[in-house]
Amino acid sequence: MKLYLDAERLVNQFKIKNLDALHLATSQYAKVDFFISCDYNLIKKLKGELNVISPGKFFEKYEKCKR
């Protein structure tokens, strides 16, 4: 139930779609390091709030960690 409340908070706070909010709330619950998305509007809305990044940016970070 908390997951749905967190998703609802994300919808209200960031004005995002319900399904996007549920995916994000689930990723927060799972304590993932990154939420990778090709939805650049979503990335822009959440910049600085959650670790939502594009696949390209993730790949850059991943490559730097491997070195």
C-alpha atoms as a PDB file:
ATOM      1  CA  MET A   1       0.000   0.000   0.000  1.00  0.00           C
ATOM      2  CA  LYS A   2       2.859   2.374   0.776  1.00  0.00           C
ATOM      3  CA  LEU A   3       4.097   1.868  -2.785  1.00  0.00           C
ATOM      4  CA  TYR A   4       0.826   3.260  -4.162  1.00  0.00           C
ATOM      5  CA  LEU A   5       0.923   6.211  -1.778  1.00  0.00           C
ATOM      6  CA  ASP A   6       4.480   6.986  -2.866  1.00  0.00           C
ATOM      7  CA  ALA A   7       3.414   6.737  -6.524  1.00  0.00           C
ATOM      8  CA  GLU A   8       0.495   9.074  -5.862  1.00  0.00           C
ATOM      9  CA  ARG A   9       2.861  11.560  -4.208  1.00  0.00           C
ATOM     10  CA  LEU A  10       5.132  11.462  -7.275  1.00  0.00           C
ATOM     11  CA  VAL A  11       2.160  12.074  -9.591  1.00  0.00           C
ATOM     12  CA  ASN A  12       1.103  15.113  -7.567  1.00  0.00           C
ATOM     13  CA  GLN A  13       4.598  16.465  -6.980  1.00  0.00           C
ATOM     14  CA  PHE A  14       6.052  16.076 -10.481  1.00  0.00           C
ATOM     15  CA  LYS A  15       2.888  15.932 -12.610  1.00  0.00           C
ATOM     16  CA  ILE A  16       3.873  12.624 -14.197  1.00  0.00           C
ATOM     17  CA  LYS A  17       1.778   9.737 -15.495  1.00  0.00           C
ATOM     18  CA  ASN A  18       0.463   7.146 -13.045  1.00  0.00           C
ATOM     19  CA  LEU A  19       2.392   4.264 -14.593  1.00  0.00           C
ATOM     20  CA  ASP A  20       5.638   6.254 -14.621  1.00  0.00           C
ATOM     21  CA  ALA A  21       5.088   7.101 -10.968  1.00  0.00           C
ATOM     22  CA  LEU A  22       4.464   3.463 -10.093  1.00  0.00           C
ATOM     23  CA  HIS A  23       7.667   2.412 -11.864  1.00  0.00           C
ATOM     24  CA  LEU A  24       9.618   5.116 -10.039  1.00  0.00           C
ATOM     25  CA  ALA A  25       8.105   4.277  -6.656  1.00  0.00           C
ATOM     26  CA  THR A  26       8.954   0.624  -7.242  1.00  0.00           C
ATOM     27  CA  SER A  27      12.547   1.520  -8.087  1.00  0.00           C
ATOM     28  CA  GLN A  28      12.791   3.615  -4.924  1.00  0.00           C
ATOM     29  CA  TYR A  29      11.383   0.735  -2.883  1.00  0.00           C
ATOM     30  CA  ALA A  30      13.952  -1.612  -4.467  1.00  0.00           C
ATOM     31  CA  LYS A  31      16.706   0.941  -3.738  1.00  0.00           C
ATOM     32  CA  VAL A  32      18.108   0.873  -7.261  1.00  0.00           C
ATOM     33  CA  ASP A  33      21.105   3.038  -8.047  1.00  0.00           C
ATOM     34  CA  PHE A  34      19.700   4.323 -11.345  1.00  0.00           C
ATOM     35  CA  PHE A  35      16.347   4.519 -13.083  1.00  0.00           C
ATOM     36  CA  ILE A  36      17.155   4.365 -16.796  1.00  0.00           C
ATOM     37  CA  SER A  37      14.617   5.910 -19.150  1.00  0.00           C
ATOM     38  CA  CYS A  38      14.390   7.124 -22.735  1.00  0.00           C
ATOM     39  CA  ASP A  39      11.577   9.494 -21.719  1.00  0.00           C
ATOM     40  CA  TYR A  40      13.497  12.754 -21.785  1.00  0.00           C
ATOM     41  CA  ASN A  41      10.533  14.736 -20.443  1.00  0.00           C
ATOM     42  CA  LEU A  42      10.482  12.461 -17.397  1.00  0.00           C
ATOM     43  CA  ILE A  43      14.242  12.800 -16.959  1.00  0.00           C
ATOM     44  CA  LYS A  44      13.984  16.590 -17.181  1.00  0.00           C
ATOM     45  CA  LYS A  45      11.120  16.760 -14.660  1.00  0.00           C
ATOM     46  CA  LEU A  46      12.959  14.643 -12.110  1.00  0.00           C
ATOM     47  CA  LYS A  47      16.454  16.065 -12.595  1.00  0.00           C
ATOM     48  CA  GLY A  48      18.138  16.410  -9.228  1.00  0.00           C
ATOM     49  CA  GLU A  49      15.303  14.717  -7.361  1.00  0.00           C
ATOM     50  CA  LEU A  50      15.785  11.075  -8.259  1.00  0.00           C
ATOM     51  CA  ASN A  51      18.582   9.331 -10.083  1.00  0.00           C
ATOM     52  CA  VAL A  52      16.728   9.121 -13.411  1.00  0.00           C
ATOM     53  CA  ILE A  53      19.091   9.070 -16.384  1.00  0.00           C
ATOM     54  CA  SER A  54      19.146   8.266 -20.066  1.00  0.00           C
ATOM     55  CA  PRO A  55      20.751   5.049 -21.342  1.00  0.00           C
ATOM     56  CA  GLY A  56      23.611   7.082 -22.836  1.00  0.00           C
ATOM     57  CA  LYS A  57      24.393   8.838 -19.546  1.00  0.00           C
ATOM     58  CA  PHE A  58      24.201   5.515 -17.712  1.00  0.00           C
ATOM     59  CA  PHE A  59      26.658   3.983 -20.153  1.00  0.00           C
ATOM     60  CA  GLU A  60      29.075   6.908 -19.604  1.00  0.00           C
ATOM     61  CA  LYS A  61      28.917   6.423 -15.831  1.00  0.00           C
ATOM     62  CA  TYR A  62      29.275   2.671 -16.159  1.00  0.00           C
ATOM     63  CA  GLU A  63      32.350   2.981 -18.377  1.00  0.00           C
ATOM     64  CA  LYS A  64      33.995   5.368 -15.899  1.00  0.00           C
ATOM     65  CA  CYS A  65      33.381   2.895 -13.043  1.00  0.00           C
ATOM     66  CA  LYS A  66      34.972   0.032 -14.973  1.00  0.00           C
ATOM     67  CA  ARG A  67      38.282   1.857 -15.337  1.00  0.00           C
END
